[in-house]
């Protein structure tokens, strides 16, 4: 009977310790927050993310703000998760911004080529209408 009671108490203590271990917050997410701040700031400075992927940038900035808030409250797991999300969303915003900028550049080149082609055709048709030109004879 005594052994049974000892086993029950020991099991209860182990379950409580395991539960407390899972609920602990761990270390401060300083590295994650620093990296997230850097990535978001670089995305803002690049400009293309803000211009072409404003929703993604806003989400990244909101998540970074949430990460700072949770960090200040000592909720390090939540802070870490929000910092990681902010970093990913800032990267997505930069990628979308770069893609949109490259797409716009490709469209500009296509327009320029089309204009050049039209000018060349107009020039060729004007030369054919005026007849052949002969070189002056010496």
N, C-alpha and C. Protein backbone atom coordinates (compact mmCIF):
# COMPACT_ATOMS: atom_id res chain seq x y z
N UNK A 1 0.81 -1.18 0.00
CA UNK A 1 0.00 0.00 0.00
C UNK A 1 0.86 1.25 0.00
N UNK A 2 1.89 1.23 0.81
CA UNK A 2 2.80 2.36 0.89
C UNK A 2 3.53 2.56 -0.44
N UNK A 3 3.92 1.48 -1.06
CA UNK A 3 4.59 1.54 -2.36
C UNK A 3 3.66 2.11 -3.42
N UNK A 4 2.40 1.72 -3.37
CA UNK A 4 1.41 2.23 -4.33
C UNK A 4 1.22 3.73 -4.16
N UNK A 5 1.12 4.18 -2.95
CA UNK A 5 0.97 5.62 -2.68
C UNK A 5 2.21 6.38 -3.16
N UNK A 6 3.39 5.80 -2.93
CA UNK A 6 4.64 6.43 -3.37
C UNK A 6 4.67 6.57 -4.89
N UNK A 7 4.24 5.54 -5.59
CA UNK A 7 4.23 5.57 -7.06
C UNK A 7 3.24 6.62 -7.56
N UNK A 8 2.07 6.71 -6.95
CA UNK A 8 1.08 7.71 -7.35
C UNK A 8 1.61 9.14 -7.13
N UNK A 9 2.23 9.37 -6.00
CA UNK A 9 2.76 10.71 -5.70
C UNK A 9 3.90 11.04 -6.67
N UNK A 10 4.77 10.09 -6.90
CA UNK A 10 5.89 10.31 -7.82
C UNK A 10 5.37 10.59 -9.23
N UNK A 11 4.40 9.84 -9.67
CA UNK A 11 3.81 10.06 -11.00
C UNK A 11 3.17 11.43 -11.08
N UNK A 12 2.46 11.82 -10.04
CA UNK A 12 1.83 13.14 -10.02
C UNK A 12 2.86 14.26 -10.08
N UNK A 13 3.94 14.12 -9.37
CA UNK A 13 5.01 15.13 -9.38
C UNK A 13 5.64 15.21 -10.77
N UNK A 14 5.87 14.07 -11.39
CA UNK A 14 6.46 14.05 -12.73
C UNK A 14 5.54 14.69 -13.77
N UNK A 15 4.25 14.41 -13.67
CA UNK A 15 3.28 15.00 -14.60
C UNK A 15 3.25 16.52 -14.43
N UNK A 16 3.25 16.99 -13.18
CA UNK A 16 3.26 18.44 -12.94
C UNK A 16 4.53 19.08 -13.46
N UNK A 17 5.66 18.43 -13.25
CA UNK A 17 6.94 18.97 -13.73
C UNK A 17 6.97 19.02 -15.25
N UNK A 18 6.46 17.98 -15.88
CA UNK A 18 6.43 17.95 -17.35
C UNK A 18 5.51 19.04 -17.89
N UNK A 19 4.38 19.23 -17.24
CA UNK A 19 3.45 20.28 -17.67
C UNK A 19 4.07 21.66 -17.51
N UNK A 20 4.75 21.88 -16.44
CA UNK A 20 5.39 23.17 -16.21
C UNK A 20 6.52 23.39 -17.21
N UNK A 21 7.23 22.33 -17.56
CA UNK A 21 8.31 22.45 -18.54
C UNK A 21 7.79 22.82 -19.91
N UNK A 22 6.67 22.32 -20.31
CA UNK A 22 6.09 22.64 -21.61
C UNK A 22 5.57 24.07 -21.65
N UNK A 23 5.16 24.57 -20.52
CA UNK A 23 4.56 25.90 -20.50
C UNK A 23 5.61 27.00 -20.31
N UNK A 24 6.86 26.64 -20.05
CA UNK A 24 7.86 27.67 -19.81
C UNK A 24 8.14 28.45 -21.08
N UNK A 25 8.58 29.67 -20.90
CA UNK A 25 8.76 30.58 -22.03
C UNK A 25 10.13 30.47 -22.68
N UNK A 26 11.09 29.86 -22.03
CA UNK A 26 12.40 29.75 -22.63
C UNK A 26 13.14 31.07 -22.58
N UNK A 27 14.19 31.15 -23.37
CA UNK A 27 15.04 32.34 -23.39
C UNK A 27 14.39 33.47 -24.18
N UNK A 28 14.85 34.68 -23.90
CA UNK A 28 14.35 35.83 -24.66
C UNK A 28 14.71 35.67 -26.13
N UNK A 29 13.82 36.06 -27.02
CA UNK A 29 14.08 35.89 -28.46
C UNK A 29 14.86 37.07 -29.06
N UNK A 30 15.96 37.45 -28.44
CA UNK A 30 16.72 38.61 -28.89
C UNK A 30 17.20 38.48 -30.33
N UNK A 31 17.75 37.31 -30.68
CA UNK A 31 18.25 37.12 -32.04
C UNK A 31 17.13 37.21 -33.07
N UNK A 32 16.01 36.57 -32.77
CA UNK A 32 14.89 36.59 -33.70
C UNK A 32 14.34 38.00 -33.89
N UNK A 33 14.24 38.75 -32.80
CA UNK A 33 13.73 40.12 -32.88
C UNK A 33 14.70 41.02 -33.66
N UNK A 34 15.98 40.88 -33.39
CA UNK A 34 16.97 41.69 -34.11
C UNK A 34 16.93 41.40 -35.60
N UNK A 35 16.88 40.13 -35.94
CA UNK A 35 16.83 39.75 -37.35
C UNK A 35 15.56 40.25 -38.02
N UNK A 36 14.43 40.11 -37.35
CA UNK A 36 13.16 40.56 -37.91
C UNK A 36 13.17 42.07 -38.11
N UNK A 37 13.68 42.81 -37.13
CA UNK A 37 13.76 44.27 -37.27
C UNK A 37 14.63 44.64 -38.47
N UNK A 38 15.74 43.97 -38.64
CA UNK A 38 16.65 44.25 -39.74
C UNK A 38 16.00 43.97 -41.09
N UNK A 39 15.37 42.83 -41.21
CA UNK A 39 14.74 42.44 -42.48
C UNK A 39 13.60 43.39 -42.83
N UNK A 40 12.78 43.76 -41.86
CA UNK A 40 11.67 44.67 -42.12
C UNK A 40 12.20 46.05 -42.51
N UNK A 41 13.22 46.54 -41.81
CA UNK A 41 13.79 47.85 -42.14
C UNK A 41 14.39 47.85 -43.54
N UNK A 42 15.08 46.79 -43.92
CA UNK A 42 15.65 46.70 -45.26
C UNK A 42 14.56 46.67 -46.32
N UNK A 43 13.47 45.98 -46.03
CA UNK A 43 12.36 45.93 -46.98
C UNK A 43 11.74 47.31 -47.17
N UNK A 44 11.63 48.05 -46.08
CA UNK A 44 11.07 49.41 -46.17
C UNK A 44 12.01 50.30 -46.99
N UNK A 45 13.31 50.20 -46.72
CA UNK A 45 14.28 51.04 -47.43
C UNK A 45 14.36 50.71 -48.90
N UNK A 46 14.15 49.44 -49.26
CA UNK A 46 14.22 49.05 -50.66
C UNK A 46 13.15 49.75 -51.49
N UNK A 47 12.01 50.01 -50.90
CA UNK A 47 10.96 50.77 -51.57
C UNK A 47 10.04 49.95 -52.45
N UNK A 48 10.57 48.95 -53.14
CA UNK A 48 9.71 48.18 -54.05
C UNK A 48 8.67 47.39 -53.28
N UNK A 49 9.01 46.91 -52.11
CA UNK A 49 8.05 46.14 -51.31
C UNK A 49 6.89 47.03 -50.89
N UNK A 50 7.21 48.23 -50.45
CA UNK A 50 6.17 49.16 -50.01
C UNK A 50 5.28 49.56 -51.18
N UNK A 51 5.89 49.74 -52.35
CA UNK A 51 5.14 50.20 -53.51
C UNK A 51 4.29 49.10 -54.14
N UNK A 52 4.85 47.88 -54.25
CA UNK A 52 4.17 46.82 -54.98
C UNK A 52 3.54 45.75 -54.09
N UNK A 53 3.91 45.70 -52.80
CA UNK A 53 3.37 44.67 -51.90
C UNK A 53 3.06 45.29 -50.54
N UNK A 54 2.26 46.33 -50.58
CA UNK A 54 1.96 47.10 -49.36
C UNK A 54 1.27 46.25 -48.29
N UNK A 55 0.39 45.37 -48.69
CA UNK A 55 -0.34 44.54 -47.71
C UNK A 55 0.63 43.61 -46.98
N UNK A 56 1.56 43.02 -47.71
CA UNK A 56 2.55 42.15 -47.07
C UNK A 56 3.45 42.94 -46.12
N UNK A 57 3.83 44.14 -46.53
CA UNK A 57 4.68 44.98 -45.67
C UNK A 57 3.92 45.39 -44.41
N UNK A 58 2.67 45.74 -44.55
CA UNK A 58 1.87 46.13 -43.39
C UNK A 58 1.74 44.97 -42.42
N UNK A 59 1.51 43.77 -42.97
CA UNK A 59 1.40 42.60 -42.11
C UNK A 59 2.73 42.34 -41.38
N UNK A 60 3.84 42.48 -42.08
CA UNK A 60 5.15 42.27 -41.45
C UNK A 60 5.38 43.29 -40.33
N UNK A 61 5.01 44.54 -40.57
CA UNK A 61 5.20 45.57 -39.55
C UNK A 61 4.28 45.33 -38.35
N UNK A 62 3.06 44.90 -38.61
CA UNK A 62 2.12 44.59 -37.52
C UNK A 62 2.63 43.42 -36.68
N UNK A 63 3.13 42.39 -37.35
CA UNK A 63 3.65 41.23 -36.63
C UNK A 63 4.89 41.59 -35.82
N UNK A 64 5.72 42.46 -36.37
CA UNK A 64 6.90 42.90 -35.63
C UNK A 64 6.50 43.69 -34.39
N UNK A 65 5.49 44.50 -34.54
CA UNK A 65 4.97 45.25 -33.39
C UNK A 65 4.42 44.30 -32.33
N UNK A 66 3.69 43.27 -32.77
CA UNK A 66 3.17 42.26 -31.83
C UNK A 66 4.31 41.52 -31.14
N UNK A 67 5.35 41.21 -31.90
CA UNK A 67 6.51 40.52 -31.31
C UNK A 67 7.15 41.36 -30.22
N UNK A 68 7.30 42.66 -30.48
CA UNK A 68 7.86 43.55 -29.46
C UNK A 68 6.97 43.63 -28.24
N UNK A 69 5.67 43.68 -28.47
CA UNK A 69 4.72 43.77 -27.35
C UNK A 69 4.78 42.50 -26.49
N UNK A 70 4.74 41.33 -27.14
CA UNK A 70 4.80 40.08 -26.38
C UNK A 70 6.14 39.94 -25.66
N UNK A 71 7.20 40.39 -26.29
CA UNK A 71 8.51 40.33 -25.64
C UNK A 71 8.50 41.18 -24.37
N UNK A 72 7.92 42.36 -24.46
CA UNK A 72 7.82 43.23 -23.30
C UNK A 72 6.98 42.64 -22.17
N UNK A 73 6.03 41.79 -22.53
CA UNK A 73 5.17 41.15 -21.54
C UNK A 73 5.79 39.86 -20.99
N UNK A 74 6.95 39.50 -21.51
CA UNK A 74 7.59 38.26 -21.06
C UNK A 74 7.04 37.01 -21.71
N UNK A 75 6.25 37.18 -22.76
CA UNK A 75 5.69 36.03 -23.48
C UNK A 75 6.63 35.73 -24.66
N UNK A 76 7.72 35.08 -24.34
CA UNK A 76 8.81 34.92 -25.30
C UNK A 76 8.48 33.97 -26.45
N UNK A 77 7.69 32.93 -26.18
CA UNK A 77 7.32 32.02 -27.27
C UNK A 77 6.48 32.75 -28.32
N UNK A 78 5.52 33.54 -27.87
CA UNK A 78 4.69 34.30 -28.80
C UNK A 78 5.54 35.35 -29.53
N UNK A 79 6.41 36.01 -28.80
CA UNK A 79 7.28 37.02 -29.40
C UNK A 79 8.15 36.40 -30.49
N UNK A 80 8.71 35.25 -30.20
CA UNK A 80 9.55 34.55 -31.17
C UNK A 80 8.76 34.20 -32.43
N UNK A 81 7.56 33.67 -32.23
CA UNK A 81 6.72 33.27 -33.37
C UNK A 81 6.34 34.48 -34.23
N UNK A 82 5.96 35.58 -33.60
CA UNK A 82 5.60 36.78 -34.37
C UNK A 82 6.82 37.38 -35.07
N UNK A 83 7.97 37.34 -34.44
CA UNK A 83 9.19 37.85 -35.08
C UNK A 83 9.52 37.03 -36.32
N UNK A 84 9.38 35.72 -36.22
CA UNK A 84 9.65 34.86 -37.38
C UNK A 84 8.64 35.11 -38.50
N UNK A 85 7.38 35.30 -38.13
CA UNK A 85 6.37 35.61 -39.15
C UNK A 85 6.65 36.95 -39.82
N UNK A 86 7.05 37.94 -39.04
CA UNK A 86 7.36 39.25 -39.58
C UNK A 86 8.50 39.16 -40.59
N UNK A 87 9.51 38.40 -40.25
CA UNK A 87 10.65 38.22 -41.15
C UNK A 87 10.22 37.58 -42.46
N UNK A 88 9.42 36.55 -42.37
CA UNK A 88 8.95 35.85 -43.57
C UNK A 88 8.08 36.77 -44.43
N UNK A 89 7.17 37.49 -43.80
CA UNK A 89 6.30 38.39 -44.57
C UNK A 89 7.09 39.52 -45.22
N UNK A 90 8.11 40.02 -44.54
CA UNK A 90 8.96 41.06 -45.14
C UNK A 90 9.71 40.49 -46.35
N UNK A 91 10.20 39.26 -46.23
CA UNK A 91 10.87 38.61 -47.37
C UNK A 91 9.91 38.42 -48.54
N UNK A 92 8.69 38.02 -48.24
CA UNK A 92 7.68 37.84 -49.29
C UNK A 92 7.38 39.18 -49.96
N UNK A 93 7.27 40.23 -49.17
CA UNK A 93 7.00 41.56 -49.73
C UNK A 93 8.12 42.01 -50.65
N UNK A 94 9.35 41.77 -50.24
CA UNK A 94 10.49 42.14 -51.09
C UNK A 94 10.47 41.34 -52.39
N UNK A 95 10.21 40.04 -52.28
CA UNK A 95 10.16 39.19 -53.48
C UNK A 95 9.05 39.64 -54.42
N UNK A 96 7.89 39.92 -53.87
CA UNK A 96 6.78 40.39 -54.72
C UNK A 96 7.10 41.75 -55.33
N UNK A 97 7.71 42.61 -54.55
CA UNK A 97 8.09 43.92 -55.06
C UNK A 97 9.09 43.82 -56.19
N UNK A 98 10.10 42.98 -56.01
CA UNK A 98 11.11 42.80 -57.06
C UNK A 98 10.49 42.19 -58.31
N UNK A 99 9.61 41.23 -58.12
CA UNK A 99 8.94 40.60 -59.25
C UNK A 99 8.09 41.61 -60.02
N UNK A 100 7.35 42.42 -59.30
CA UNK A 100 6.51 43.43 -59.96
C UNK A 100 7.37 44.46 -60.69
N UNK A 101 8.48 44.85 -60.07
CA UNK A 101 9.37 45.82 -60.71
C UNK A 101 9.98 45.24 -61.99
N UNK A 102 10.37 43.97 -61.95
CA UNK A 102 10.92 43.32 -63.14
C UNK A 102 9.86 43.16 -64.22
N UNK A 103 8.65 42.87 -63.80
CA UNK A 103 7.55 42.75 -64.77
C UNK A 103 7.30 44.09 -65.46
N UNK A 104 7.33 45.17 -64.69
CA UNK A 104 7.14 46.50 -65.26
C UNK A 104 8.27 46.84 -66.22
N UNK A 105 9.49 46.50 -65.86
CA UNK A 105 10.64 46.75 -66.74
C UNK A 105 10.51 45.96 -68.04
N UNK A 106 10.05 44.72 -67.95
CA UNK A 106 9.85 43.91 -69.15
C UNK A 106 8.77 44.51 -70.04
N UNK A 107 7.69 45.02 -69.43
CA UNK A 107 6.63 45.67 -70.21
C UNK A 107 7.15 46.93 -70.89
N UNK A 108 8.00 47.69 -70.20
CA UNK A 108 8.58 48.90 -70.79
C UNK A 108 9.45 48.56 -71.99
N UNK A 109 10.24 47.50 -71.88
CA UNK A 109 11.09 47.08 -72.99
C UNK A 109 10.23 46.62 -74.16
N UNK A 110 9.16 45.90 -73.88
CA UNK A 110 8.26 45.45 -74.94
C UNK A 110 7.63 46.63 -75.65
N UNK A 111 7.20 47.64 -74.90
CA UNK A 111 6.62 48.85 -75.51
C UNK A 111 7.66 49.57 -76.37
N UNK A 112 8.87 49.69 -75.85
CA UNK A 112 9.92 50.37 -76.61
C UNK A 112 10.24 49.62 -77.90
N UNK A 113 10.28 48.31 -77.84
CA UNK A 113 10.53 47.51 -79.05
C UNK A 113 9.40 47.68 -80.06
N UNK A 114 8.18 47.72 -79.57
CA UNK A 114 7.03 47.89 -80.46
C UNK A 114 7.09 49.26 -81.14
N UNK A 115 7.41 50.29 -80.38
CA UNK A 115 7.52 51.64 -80.95
C UNK A 115 8.64 51.69 -81.99
N UNK A 116 9.76 51.10 -81.69
CA UNK A 116 10.89 51.07 -82.61
C UNK A 116 10.52 50.32 -83.89
N UNK A 117 9.80 49.21 -83.75
CA UNK A 117 9.37 48.43 -84.91
C UNK A 117 8.43 49.27 -85.78
N UNK A 118 7.49 49.99 -85.17
CA UNK A 118 6.57 50.84 -85.94
C UNK A 118 7.33 51.95 -86.66
N UNK A 119 8.27 52.56 -86.00
CA UNK A 119 9.06 53.63 -86.63
C UNK A 119 9.88 53.08 -87.79
N UNK A 120 10.43 51.89 -87.63
CA UNK A 120 11.23 51.27 -88.69
C UNK A 120 10.35 50.95 -89.89
N UNK A 121 9.15 50.43 -89.64
CA UNK A 121 8.23 50.11 -90.74
C UNK A 121 7.79 51.38 -91.46
N UNK A 122 7.53 52.44 -90.72
CA UNK A 122 7.13 53.71 -91.31
C UNK A 122 8.26 54.27 -92.17
N UNK A 123 9.47 54.17 -91.65
CA UNK A 123 10.64 54.67 -92.37
C UNK A 123 10.87 53.87 -93.64
N UNK A 124 10.71 52.54 -93.57
CA UNK A 124 10.90 51.68 -94.74
C UNK A 124 9.83 51.93 -95.78
N UNK A 125 8.59 52.12 -95.37
CA UNK A 125 7.51 52.35 -96.33
C UNK A 125 7.65 53.73 -96.97
N UNK A 126 8.15 54.71 -96.27
CA UNK A 126 8.36 56.05 -96.83
C UNK A 126 9.48 56.05 -97.85
N UNK A 127 10.51 55.29 -97.64
CA UNK A 127 11.63 55.21 -98.58
C UNK A 127 11.20 54.48 -99.84
N UNK A 128 10.38 53.47 -99.74
CA UNK A 128 9.92 52.72 -100.90
C UNK A 128 8.97 53.57 -101.74
N UNK A 129 8.18 54.43 -101.13
CA UNK A 129 7.23 55.27 -101.85
C UNK A 129 7.94 56.36 -102.65
N UNK A 130 9.07 56.83 -102.21
CA UNK A 130 9.75 57.90 -102.91
C UNK A 130 10.59 57.38 -104.06
N UNK A 131 10.70 56.11 -104.20
CA UNK A 131 11.42 55.51 -105.31
C UNK A 131 12.89 55.26 -104.94
N UNK A 132 13.55 54.58 -105.83
CA UNK A 132 14.94 54.23 -105.54
C UNK A 132 15.82 55.50 -105.65
N UNK A 133 16.77 55.51 -104.86
CA UNK A 133 17.71 56.61 -104.94
C UNK A 133 18.94 56.15 -105.68
N UNK A 134 19.48 57.05 -106.49
CA UNK A 134 20.67 56.69 -107.26
C UNK A 134 21.82 57.50 -106.72
N UNK A 135 22.91 56.92 -106.79
CA UNK A 135 24.11 57.59 -106.32
C UNK A 135 24.56 58.58 -107.40
N UNK A 136 25.07 59.69 -107.00
CA UNK A 136 25.55 60.65 -108.02
C UNK A 136 26.70 60.05 -108.79
N UNK A 137 26.73 60.37 -110.06
CA UNK A 137 27.77 59.84 -110.91
C UNK A 137 28.93 60.81 -110.95
N UNK A 138 30.08 60.26 -110.98
CA UNK A 138 31.27 61.08 -111.02
C UNK A 138 31.80 61.27 -112.38
